[in-house]
Protein backbone atom coordinates (compact mmCIF):
# COMPACT_ATOMS: atom_id res chain seq x y z
CA UNK A 1 40.91 -22.76 -0.32
CA UNK A 2 37.84 -23.44 1.72
CA UNK A 3 34.40 -23.79 -0.10
CA UNK A 4 31.06 -22.78 1.88
CA UNK A 5 28.01 -23.41 0.92
CA UNK A 6 24.97 -21.09 2.20
CA UNK A 7 22.02 -22.94 3.02
CA UNK A 8 18.36 -21.07 2.91
CA UNK A 9 17.25 -19.75 6.06
CA UNK A 10 13.66 -19.64 7.48
CA UNK A 11 13.72 -15.67 7.33
CA UNK A 12 10.30 -15.76 9.31
CA UNK A 13 8.22 -17.92 11.51
CA UNK A 14 8.27 -21.53 10.56
CA UNK A 15 8.33 -20.74 6.62
CA UNK A 16 9.20 -23.81 4.68
CA UNK A 17 10.05 -22.66 1.18
CA UNK A 18 10.93 -19.32 -0.94
CA UNK A 19 11.27 -18.66 -4.24
CA UNK A 20 14.70 -17.16 -5.67
CA UNK A 21 13.24 -13.93 -7.16
CA UNK A 22 16.76 -12.44 -8.12
CA UNK A 23 20.13 -12.73 -7.78
CA UNK A 24 22.42 -9.76 -6.80
CA UNK A 25 25.90 -11.24 -7.20
CA UNK A 26 27.28 -13.79 -10.14
CA UNK A 27 30.16 -16.53 -10.01
CA UNK A 28 33.30 -14.81 -9.62
CA UNK A 29 32.09 -11.90 -7.60
CA UNK A 30 33.58 -10.86 -4.18
CA UNK A 31 31.50 -10.45 -1.50
CA UNK A 32 32.14 -9.21 2.17
CA UNK A 33 30.14 -9.97 5.01
CA UNK A 34 26.44 -8.82 4.70
CA UNK A 35 26.18 -8.05 1.39
CA UNK A 36 23.19 -8.59 -0.55
CA UNK A 37 23.52 -12.08 -2.05
CA UNK A 38 19.82 -12.17 -3.53
CA UNK A 39 15.95 -11.70 -2.95
CA UNK A 40 13.61 -14.25 -2.02
CA UNK A 41 9.92 -14.19 -1.94
CA UNK A 42 8.43 -16.13 0.97
CA UNK A 43 4.93 -16.42 1.86
CA UNK A 44 5.48 -13.34 3.55
CA UNK A 45 7.26 -10.93 1.54
CA UNK A 46 10.03 -10.14 -0.47
CA UNK A 47 13.46 -10.54 1.63
CA UNK A 48 16.88 -9.63 0.77
CA UNK A 49 19.41 -12.28 2.07
CA UNK A 50 23.08 -11.02 3.38
CA UNK A 51 26.15 -13.26 2.93
CA UNK A 52 27.29 -14.61 6.27
CA UNK A 53 30.81 -15.25 4.38
CA UNK A 54 33.60 -13.02 2.95
CA UNK A 55 35.11 -14.37 -0.16
CA UNK A 56 34.64 -15.01 -3.98
CA UNK A 57 31.33 -16.60 -5.30
CA UNK A 58 32.05 -19.84 -7.03
CA UNK A 59 28.35 -21.04 -7.86
CA UNK A 60 24.93 -20.43 -8.25
CA UNK A 61 23.51 -23.37 -7.16
CA UNK A 62 19.73 -22.75 -7.50
CA UNK A 63 18.33 -20.24 -10.74
CA UNK A 64 16.32 -17.55 -10.59
CA UNK A 65 12.32 -18.53 -10.57
CA UNK A 66 12.97 -21.73 -8.44
CA UNK A 67 10.96 -22.35 -5.44
CA UNK A 68 13.04 -24.45 -2.73
CA UNK A 69 12.78 -25.47 0.43
CA UNK A 70 14.30 -23.89 3.64
CA UNK A 71 17.79 -25.73 4.10
CA UNK A 72 18.55 -26.00 0.59
CA UNK A 73 21.81 -25.31 -0.26
CA UNK A 74 21.70 -22.26 -2.63
CA UNK A 75 25.17 -20.69 -3.39
CA UNK A 76 28.94 -21.63 -2.48
CA UNK A 77 31.40 -18.91 -1.75
CA UNK A 78 35.17 -19.73 -1.05
CA UNK A 79 37.41 -18.06 1.66
CA UNK A 80 39.68 -16.50 -0.91
CA UNK A 81 39.67 -13.21 -2.60
CA UNK A 82 41.32 -12.64 -6.07
CA UNK A 83 44.88 -12.12 -6.12
CA UNK A 84 45.11 -14.25 -2.62
CA UNK A 85 48.75 -16.41 -2.96
CA UNK A 86 47.59 -19.87 -3.34
CA UNK A 87 50.33 -22.53 -3.62
CA UNK A 88 50.21 -24.05 -7.40
CA UNK A 89 50.61 -27.52 -5.84
CA UNK A 90 48.11 -27.43 -3.15
CA UNK A 91 45.14 -29.79 -3.28
CA UNK A 92 41.80 -28.31 -3.62
CA UNK A 93 39.65 -29.61 -0.67
CA UNK A 94 36.18 -31.23 -0.94
CA UNK A 95 33.18 -29.32 -1.25
CA UNK A 96 32.01 -28.79 2.49
CA UNK A 97 29.12 -27.28 4.34
CA UNK A 98 30.27 -24.83 6.74
CA UNK A 99 28.53 -26.48 9.95
CA UNK A 100 29.55 -23.08 11.87
CA UNK A 101 28.37 -20.84 9.65
CA UNK A 102 26.11 -18.27 11.09
CA UNK A 103 22.46 -18.93 10.57
CA UNK A 104 19.53 -16.37 10.35
CA UNK A 105 17.71 -16.30 13.61
CA UNK A 106 13.82 -16.06 13.21
CA UNK A 107 12.32 -12.67 13.69
CA UNK A 108 10.24 -12.21 16.53
CA UNK A 109 6.69 -12.86 15.96
CA UNK A 110 5.15 -10.04 18.65
CA UNK A 111 5.98 -6.63 18.67
CA UNK A 112 8.94 -6.71 21.40
CA UNK A 113 11.95 -6.45 18.80
CA UNK A 114 10.09 -5.71 15.77
CA UNK A 115 8.57 -2.24 17.27
CA UNK A 116 12.09 -0.61 16.25
CA UNK A 117 12.12 -1.87 12.96
CA UNK A 118 8.39 -0.16 12.29
CA UNK A 119 7.60 -0.03 8.57
CA UNK A 120 4.64 2.00 8.62
CA UNK A 121 -0.80 3.73 3.70
CA UNK A 122 -1.67 2.33 -1.52
CA UNK A 123 -1.90 0.98 1.55
CA UNK A 124 -4.38 0.37 -0.75
CA UNK A 125 -3.90 2.95 -3.35
CA UNK A 126 -1.04 4.62 -2.20
CA UNK A 127 1.32 5.36 -5.16
CA UNK A 128 0.62 4.67 -8.73
CA UNK A 129 -2.39 2.23 -8.75
CA UNK A 130 -2.03 -1.50 -10.04
CA UNK A 131 -4.95 -1.25 -12.32
CA UNK A 132 -6.02 1.56 -13.36
CA UNK A 133 -9.99 2.32 -12.54
CA UNK A 134 -10.25 4.10 -15.81
CA UNK A 135 -8.65 5.60 -18.79
CA UNK A 136 -9.10 9.08 -20.11
CA UNK A 137 -8.77 10.25 -23.78
CA UNK A 138 -5.67 11.57 -25.08
CA UNK A 139 -6.39 14.12 -27.62
CA UNK A 140 -9.76 16.13 -26.61
CA UNK A 141 -10.56 16.25 -22.88
CA UNK A 142 -11.89 18.18 -20.20
CA UNK A 143 -8.93 19.36 -17.56
CA UNK A 144 -8.80 21.40 -14.74
CA UNK A 145 -7.55 25.06 -15.07
CA UNK A 146 -4.38 25.48 -13.96
CA UNK A 147 -4.30 29.00 -12.84
CA UNK A 148 -7.95 29.55 -11.72
CA UNK A 149 -10.57 27.68 -9.65
CA UNK A 150 -13.65 29.53 -10.95
CA UNK A 151 -14.75 31.14 -13.80
CA UNK A 152 -16.20 30.48 -17.37
CA UNK A 153 -15.23 27.70 -19.51
CA UNK A 154 -12.24 28.58 -21.62
CA UNK A 155 -10.81 27.16 -25.19
CA UNK A 156 -6.84 26.78 -25.23
CA UNK A 157 -5.57 25.86 -28.42
CA UNK A 158 -2.85 22.73 -27.34
CA UNK A 159 -0.78 20.92 -29.83
CA UNK A 160 -1.67 16.98 -28.98
CA UNK A 161 2.02 15.93 -28.33
CA UNK A 162 3.48 12.53 -27.32
CA UNK A 163 4.26 11.70 -23.66
CA UNK A 164 7.97 11.31 -24.60
CA UNK A 165 8.16 14.73 -25.68
CA UNK A 166 6.13 16.36 -23.09
CA UNK A 167 8.15 14.37 -20.09
CA UNK A 168 11.12 15.36 -21.75
CA UNK A 169 10.78 19.13 -22.16
CA UNK A 170 9.56 19.32 -18.80
CA UNK A 171 9.30 22.70 -16.89
CA UNK A 172 11.24 24.28 -19.67
CA UNK A 173 8.72 23.65 -22.08
CA UNK A 174 6.89 26.99 -22.74
CA UNK A 175 3.59 28.38 -23.80
CA UNK A 176 0.52 27.04 -26.03
CA UNK A 177 0.89 26.22 -29.76
CA UNK A 178 -1.95 25.93 -32.53
CA UNK A 179 -3.34 22.97 -33.15
CA UNK A 180 -6.30 20.65 -31.64
CA UNK A 181 -8.94 22.79 -29.46
CA UNK A 182 -8.92 21.32 -26.05
CA UNK A 183 -12.14 22.30 -24.20
CA UNK A 184 -11.32 23.09 -20.68
CA UNK A 185 -14.01 23.56 -17.78
CA UNK A 186 -13.97 25.34 -14.71
CA UNK A 187 -13.39 23.17 -11.10
CA UNK A 188 -16.87 22.65 -9.96
CA UNK A 189 -17.96 24.52 -6.68
CA UNK A 190 -21.00 23.91 -4.71
CA UNK A 191 -23.53 27.29 -5.28
CA UNK A 192 -24.21 29.49 -2.54
CA UNK A 193 -27.54 31.27 -2.61
CA UNK A 194 -27.00 34.92 -2.41
CA UNK A 195 -27.15 35.66 1.13
CA UNK A 196 -27.68 32.85 2.34
CA UNK A 197 -24.11 31.32 3.08
CA UNK A 198 -23.98 27.54 3.75
CA UNK A 199 -21.88 25.07 5.48
CA UNK A 200 -21.48 23.35 2.17
CA UNK A 201 -19.99 26.58 0.83
CA UNK A 202 -17.17 27.07 3.24
CA UNK A 203 -15.38 23.64 2.18
CA UNK A 204 -15.87 24.17 -1.12
CA UNK A 205 -13.17 23.58 -3.37
CA UNK A 206 -11.26 21.51 -0.35
CA UNK A 207 -10.06 18.52 -2.04
CA UNK A 208 -11.24 19.54 -5.63
CA UNK A 209 -8.15 22.33 -5.48
CA UNK A 210 -5.18 19.67 -6.44
CA UNK A 211 -1.98 21.10 -5.17
CA UNK A 212 0.83 21.39 -8.20
CA UNK A 213 3.23 23.97 -9.27
CA UNK A 214 2.49 25.53 -13.12
CA UNK A 215 5.16 23.43 -14.80
CA UNK A 216 3.43 20.70 -13.51
CA UNK A 217 0.22 21.60 -14.34
CA UNK A 218 1.53 22.35 -18.00
CA UNK A 219 2.38 18.99 -18.77
CA UNK A 220 -0.40 17.33 -17.05
CA UNK A 221 -2.53 19.51 -19.64
CA UNK A 222 -0.01 18.55 -22.59
CA UNK A 223 -0.29 14.72 -21.57
CA UNK A 224 -3.97 14.74 -21.58
CA UNK A 225 -3.99 14.09 -17.50
CA UNK A 226 -6.69 15.00 -14.82
CA UNK A 227 -4.27 15.62 -11.95
CA UNK A 228 -7.18 14.37 -9.67
CA UNK A 229 -6.29 10.97 -10.83
CA UNK A 230 -2.73 11.27 -9.86
CA UNK A 231 -1.81 9.88 -6.39
CA UNK A 232 0.15 12.73 -4.82
CA UNK A 233 3.68 12.17 -3.01
CA UNK A 234 4.96 15.64 -2.80
CA UNK A 235 6.09 16.92 0.91
CA UNK A 236 2.53 18.91 1.01
CA UNK A 237 0.71 16.76 -0.97
CA UNK A 238 1.12 18.10 -4.59
CA UNK A 239 1.40 16.24 -7.43
CA UNK A 240 5.17 15.99 -8.56
CA UNK A 241 6.86 15.53 -12.27
CA UNK A 242 7.74 12.32 -10.73
CA UNK A 243 4.08 11.39 -10.07
CA UNK A 244 3.14 12.36 -13.64
CA UNK A 245 5.65 10.25 -15.14
CA UNK A 246 4.92 7.20 -13.15
CA UNK A 247 1.03 7.65 -13.80
CA UNK A 248 1.74 8.00 -17.61
CA UNK A 249 3.99 4.99 -17.70
CA UNK A 250 1.19 3.11 -16.05
CA UNK A 251 -1.20 4.32 -18.13
CA UNK A 252 0.91 3.48 -21.59
CA UNK A 253 1.34 -0.01 -20.52
CA UNK A 254 -2.54 -0.25 -19.54
CA UNK A 255 -2.83 0.60 -23.27
CA UNK A 256 -0.51 -1.66 -24.77
CA UNK A 257 -1.62 -4.33 -22.96
CA UNK A 258 -4.98 -3.90 -23.76
CA UNK A 259 -4.62 -3.57 -27.69
CA UNK A 260 -3.17 -7.17 -27.52
CA UNK A 261 -4.81 -8.65 -24.43
CA UNK A 262 -7.29 -10.94 -26.65
CA UNK A 263 -4.38 -12.16 -28.97
CA UNK A 264 -4.99 -14.06 -32.09
CA UNK A 265 -8.53 -14.91 -32.74
CA UNK A 266 -7.47 -17.56 -35.05
CA UNK A 267 -5.63 -19.29 -32.76
CA UNK A 268 -7.35 -22.16 -31.10
CA UNK A 269 -8.22 -21.04 -27.37
CA UNK A 270 -6.76 -23.90 -25.40
CA UNK A 271 -3.51 -21.84 -27.29
CA UNK A 272 -4.79 -18.50 -25.78
CA UNK A 273 -4.94 -19.19 -22.13
CA UNK A 274 -2.39 -17.46 -19.99
CA UNK A 275 -1.03 -19.76 -16.84
CA UNK A 276 0.06 -17.65 -13.93
CA UNK A 277 1.57 -20.48 -11.09
CA UNK A 278 0.30 -19.41 -7.83
CA UNK A 279 2.83 -18.96 -4.90
CA UNK A 280 4.66 -16.85 -2.68
CA UNK A 281 2.66 -14.07 -1.02
CA UNK A 282 -0.46 -14.68 -3.23
CA UNK A 283 -0.42 -18.53 -2.34
CA UNK A 284 -0.09 -17.74 1.44
CA UNK A 285 -2.93 -15.02 1.08
CA UNK A 286 -5.19 -17.28 -0.75
CA UNK A 287 -5.01 -19.83 1.70
CA UNK A 288 -5.52 -17.16 4.77
CA UNK A 289 -8.36 -16.03 3.29
CA UNK A 290 -9.96 -19.13 2.47
CA UNK A 291 -9.34 -20.29 6.19
CA UNK A 292 -10.95 -16.97 7.64
CA UNK A 293 -13.99 -16.94 5.56
CA UNK A 294 -14.48 -20.82 6.64
CA UNK A 295 -13.50 -20.47 9.99
CA UNK A 296 -15.01 -17.22 11.27
CA UNK A 297 -18.62 -16.43 11.07
CA UNK A 298 -18.60 -13.18 9.26
CA UNK A 299 -20.97 -10.52 9.88
CA UNK A 300 -20.91 -7.29 7.82
CA UNK A 301 -22.43 -3.83 8.65
CA UNK A 302 -21.92 -0.35 6.85
CA UNK A 303 -22.63 3.28 8.24
CA UNK A 304 -22.59 6.41 5.80
CA UNK A 305 -20.68 9.33 7.11
CA UNK A 306 -20.47 12.90 6.89
CA UNK A 307 -16.64 13.68 7.05
CA UNK A 308 -16.65 16.95 6.20
CA UNK A 309 -15.08 18.43 9.60
CA UNK A 310 -12.44 15.41 9.03
CA UNK A 311 -11.80 17.23 5.61
CA UNK A 312 -11.12 20.62 7.29
CA UNK A 313 -9.03 19.11 9.94
CA UNK A 314 -6.83 17.20 7.48
CA UNK A 315 -6.26 20.68 5.63
CA UNK A 316 -5.43 22.45 8.95
CA UNK A 317 -3.18 19.69 9.63
CA UNK A 318 -1.24 19.89 6.08
CA UNK A 319 -0.80 23.91 6.25
CA UNK A 320 0.61 23.15 10.22
CA UNK A 321 4.28 23.62 10.44
CA UNK A 322 4.50 20.43 12.67
CA UNK A 323 3.18 18.53 10.08
CA UNK A 324 5.64 19.98 7.15
CA UNK A 325 7.09 17.47 5.19
CA UNK A 326 4.52 14.83 5.91
CA UNK A 327 1.94 13.37 4.02
CA UNK A 328 -1.47 13.54 5.40
CA UNK A 329 -4.53 12.18 4.46
CA UNK A 330 -7.86 11.08 5.64
CA UNK A 331 -6.93 7.90 6.50
CA UNK A 332 -4.66 8.97 9.85
CA UNK A 333 -7.87 10.50 11.16
CA UNK A 334 -9.50 7.15 10.34
CA UNK A 335 -6.75 5.27 11.97
CA UNK A 336 -6.92 6.97 15.26
CA UNK A 337 -10.48 6.95 14.92
CA UNK A 338 -10.36 3.00 15.15
CA UNK A 339 -7.59 3.22 18.23
CA UNK A 340 -10.00 5.22 19.93
CA UNK A 341 -13.12 3.20 19.43
CA UNK A 342 -11.40 -0.03 20.24
CA UNK A 343 -10.38 1.26 23.82
CA UNK A 344 -14.54 1.98 24.28
CA UNK A 345 -14.99 -1.53 22.71
CA UNK A 346 -11.96 -3.89 23.32
CA UNK A 347 -13.83 -7.12 22.19
CA UNK A 348 -13.18 -5.80 18.69
CA UNK A 349 -9.09 -5.83 19.46
CA UNK A 350 -9.10 -9.53 20.16
CA UNK A 351 -8.68 -13.11 19.00
CA UNK A 352 -10.59 -16.40 19.07
CA UNK A 353 -8.21 -19.28 20.19
CA UNK A 354 -9.51 -22.85 19.82
CA UNK A 355 -8.32 -25.27 22.61
CA UNK A 356 -5.05 -27.36 21.47
CA UNK A 357 -6.46 -30.80 22.15
CA UNK A 358 -8.97 -30.73 20.13
CA UNK A 359 -12.08 -30.13 22.25
CA UNK A 360 -14.99 -27.66 22.34
CA UNK A 361 -13.35 -25.05 24.80
CA UNK A 362 -11.99 -22.21 23.56
CA UNK A 363 -10.65 -18.67 24.78
CA UNK A 364 -10.82 -15.06 23.69
CA UNK A 365 -7.78 -13.04 24.32
CA UNK A 366 -8.60 -9.55 24.50
CA UNK A 367 -5.57 -7.68 23.37
CA UNK A 368 -4.50 -4.39 25.69
CA UNK A 369 -2.23 -2.94 22.59
CA UNK A 370 -3.14 -2.30 19.18
CA UNK A 371 -1.22 -3.45 16.41
CA UNK A 372 -2.83 -1.74 13.60
CA UNK A 373 -2.58 -3.59 10.37
CA UNK A 374 -3.36 -1.41 6.83
CA UNK A 375 -4.18 -3.50 3.81
CA UNK A 376 -1.47 -2.67 1.14
CA UNK A 377 -1.93 -3.63 -2.43
CA UNK A 378 1.47 -4.46 -3.99
CA UNK A 379 2.88 -5.57 -7.42
CA UNK A 380 3.36 -8.92 -5.17
CA UNK A 381 -0.18 -9.35 -4.10
CA UNK A 382 -1.78 -8.16 -1.00
CA UNK A 383 0.01 -7.75 2.18
CA UNK A 384 -1.19 -6.61 5.49
CA UNK A 385 2.08 -5.10 7.62
CA UNK A 386 0.83 -3.67 11.08
CA UNK A 387 2.06 -0.63 13.39
CA UNK A 388 3.20 -2.22 16.22
CA UNK A 389 1.63 -0.77 19.67
CA UNK A 390 -0.11 2.04 17.51
CA UNK A 391 -1.99 3.33 20.72
CA UNK A 392 1.25 4.91 22.14
CA UNK A 393 1.66 6.87 18.85
CA UNK A 394 0.71 10.89 18.68
CA UNK A 395 -0.77 11.99 15.75
CA UNK A 396 2.23 12.92 14.04
CA UNK A 397 4.14 9.71 14.99
CA UNK A 398 1.11 7.87 13.49
CA UNK A 399 1.40 9.94 10.10
CA UNK A 400 4.91 9.35 9.80
CA UNK A 401 4.30 5.27 10.47
CA UNK A 402 1.74 5.51 8.17
CA UNK A 403 4.28 7.02 5.69
CA UNK A 404 6.76 4.37 6.00
CA UNK A 405 4.39 1.60 5.71
CA UNK A 406 3.37 2.84 2.67
CA UNK A 407 6.69 3.28 1.14
CA UNK A 408 8.07 0.26 2.38
CA UNK A 409 4.79 -2.00 0.94
CA UNK A 410 5.27 -0.13 -2.38
CA UNK A 411 9.06 -1.24 -2.58
CA UNK A 412 8.48 -4.54 -1.72
CA UNK A 413 10.45 -4.42 1.06
CA UNK A 414 7.75 -5.19 3.81
CA UNK A 415 9.32 -7.99 6.11
CA UNK A 416 7.92 -11.05 8.06
CA UNK A 417 8.02 -9.54 11.28
CA UNK A 418 5.91 -6.16 10.15
CA UNK A 419 3.27 -8.44 9.31
CA UNK A 420 2.94 -10.57 12.41
CA UNK A 421 0.82 -10.20 15.33
CA UNK A 422 -1.75 -7.98 13.72
CA UNK A 423 -4.85 -7.02 16.11
CA UNK A 424 -7.16 -5.29 14.02
CA UNK A 425 -6.95 -4.24 10.22
CA UNK A 426 -8.06 -1.13 7.91
CA UNK A 427 -8.56 -1.67 3.97
CA UNK A 428 -8.35 2.00 2.24
CA UNK A 429 -10.50 0.83 -0.63
CA UNK A 430 -11.87 4.41 -1.18
CA UNK A 431 -8.53 5.45 -2.56
CA UNK A 432 -9.52 3.06 -5.72
CA UNK A 433 -12.58 4.80 -5.90
CA UNK A 434 -14.65 2.25 -4.34
CA UNK A 435 -17.63 3.38 -1.76
CA UNK A 436 -17.73 0.15 0.28
CA UNK A 437 -17.50 -3.52 0.46
CA UNK A 438 -17.28 -6.55 2.78
CA UNK A 439 -13.66 -7.35 3.49
CA UNK A 440 -12.40 -10.47 4.93
CA UNK A 441 -10.80 -10.66 8.56
CA UNK A 442 -7.51 -11.08 8.56
CA UNK A 443 -6.64 -14.19 10.26
CA UNK A 444 -6.02 -14.09 13.82
CA UNK A 445 -8.12 -11.19 14.37
CA UNK A 446 -12.04 -10.20 14.90
CA UNK A 447 -12.67 -7.09 13.21
CA UNK A 448 -11.84 -5.24 9.93
CA UNK A 449 -12.82 -1.89 8.80
CA UNK A 450 -12.97 -0.94 5.14
CA UNK A 451 -12.76 2.93 4.09
CA UNK A 452 -14.69 3.98 1.32
CA UNK A 453 -14.07 6.94 -1.11
CA UNK A 454 -15.01 10.51 0.18
CA UNK A 455 -17.02 12.22 -2.10
CA UNK A 456 -19.37 15.73 -2.26
CA UNK A 457 -22.97 14.36 -1.90
CA UNK A 458 -26.33 16.07 -1.22
CA UNK A 459 -26.73 15.93 2.61
CA UNK A 460 -29.43 17.12 5.23
CA UNK A 461 -28.22 19.20 7.80
CA UNK A 462 -30.52 21.32 10.00
CA UNK A 463 -33.37 20.70 7.56
CA UNK A 464 -31.35 21.97 4.27
CA UNK A 465 -29.85 19.85 1.94
CA UNK A 466 -26.44 21.35 1.04
CA UNK A 467 -23.22 19.26 -0.41
CA UNK A 468 -21.23 17.33 1.88
CA UNK A 469 -18.10 14.83 1.98
CA UNK A 470 -19.59 11.77 2.46
CA UNK A 471 -17.85 8.37 3.10
CA UNK A 472 -19.05 4.81 3.76
CA UNK A 473 -17.52 2.68 6.22
CA UNK A 474 -17.87 -1.17 5.91
CA UNK A 475 -16.94 -3.60 8.61
CA UNK A 476 -16.85 -6.96 9.11
CA UNK A 477 -16.48 -9.20 12.32
CA UNK A 478 -16.41 -12.57 13.79
CA UNK A 479 -19.40 -13.15 14.95
CA UNK A 480 -18.18 -15.98 17.68
CA UNK A 481 -16.52 -12.85 19.30
CA UNK A 482 -18.24 -9.38 18.12
CA UNK A 483 -22.28 -9.71 18.32
CA UNK A 484 -24.15 -7.15 16.71
CA UNK A 485 -24.87 -5.04 19.24
CA UNK A 486 -21.14 -4.47 19.98
CA UNK A 487 -19.99 -3.79 16.33
CA UNK A 488 -22.75 -1.77 15.69
CA UNK A 489 -21.34 0.36 18.60
CA UNK A 490 -17.63 0.19 17.41
CA UNK A 491 -18.71 1.25 13.86
CA UNK A 492 -20.97 4.20 15.83
CA UNK A 493 -17.80 5.51 17.72
CA UNK A 494 -15.29 5.44 14.62
CA UNK A 495 -18.09 7.37 12.75
CA UNK A 496 -18.18 9.82 15.32
CA UNK A 497 -14.62 10.73 15.16
CA UNK A 498 -14.92 11.18 11.18
CA UNK A 499 -17.44 13.67 11.69
CA UNK A 500 -15.93 15.61 14.71
CA UNK A 501 -12.00 14.88 15.26
CA UNK A 502 -12.32 17.28 18.20
CA UNK A 503 -13.82 14.23 20.38
CA UNK A 504 -9.94 12.71 20.25
CA UNK A 505 -9.21 15.63 22.48
CA UNK A 506 -11.37 14.03 25.49
């Protein structure tokens, strides 16, 4: 019998340490080559380590939660399986490191080999929100009627029930029962003057009408959940029962934590401080953001945009057979707009490179390809995976890439190669209900665009004040590369596409 020690590999580009998040095996387990041994958190992401050996696990050399250097032995595996004949008098060899064991190669830093493994959304705000922006009352509240978009307010008697009762009943739970009255209001629709239809009326209800099946709407009513607050993951953008379960679990956890957050008031304040070690993704992000903020002179500009035509276009895409089963959102149009605008203003898709000898000379590297980064809020911190060669993707292919990126990021499975080589980043803060902000440029890039929430607001069009879907774009730029004129032209081009997506056909 031979014992092999498996050393922690460098699974990224020059990583020096990683945390053992969880072991997937225990001593005595039999493993085959490529079976997952454990999950580690590096400075880039959460990564699964497959076994380079076949045999029986003899010892876990590092406990869960420990951070160790690359090259440290973390597990030992014997080369015998249970039931293999072993002579009773055979001496046990000394534990040794198998120098010939395969080690993990470094993942490519560019888009070449990684492009095939594209992981392409939260996204900030995709999936259940990491931290809810607001909480709704549970008993008496307003909600959107499930079976009507217009009409007078109605009162429906509903007996308050627990989340467990409602979700366990599912679609089979039948009609209302007597109890507390819940006031319901109709969905708001812009008023249209008699004989004087407006453009705003043509898009009324476009986003106010949340897609959901009747059983799902009933569950939402019983739980006191506004469907507009739930992130939809259905194939056609509808809210599913699973979305309600996830949202309710997050809301319950928030309430439970809020009730006990302040702790016992009688205890000394020093004993009421929660200390959280900064490590892994959060540590790397903090270091990168500080370096970016103090090395690249940031300049930020903002522009309000009438995105009504974008909203109409998104609605048509959702109804299109070509996009059936694909989640489509305004972020897709913004991504296309950024790619289009960067081609017209190439210096925003660039990198500032200092001379390696420390002299004052430097170079600006303009990239003739777009690795489009999408900032994604995950339970492990902020990640910015990017879509390799996004300029070559059709609208449908880009939508698929965004969906894959969001799904992978939410699951914490974004790989280091998928976060390397970005050229320009979008952060979708609007998904969290934020109007705009001044984002920090991702290191190695010179521009980032913040996409604010889209709301119906009064807007002057052809001399008339009518409701339109308005959003605010915020952009931050490295002023060493992008001056005021260039940044303004780039943001104006992005805004032009959101105002008229048909320009993409040019």
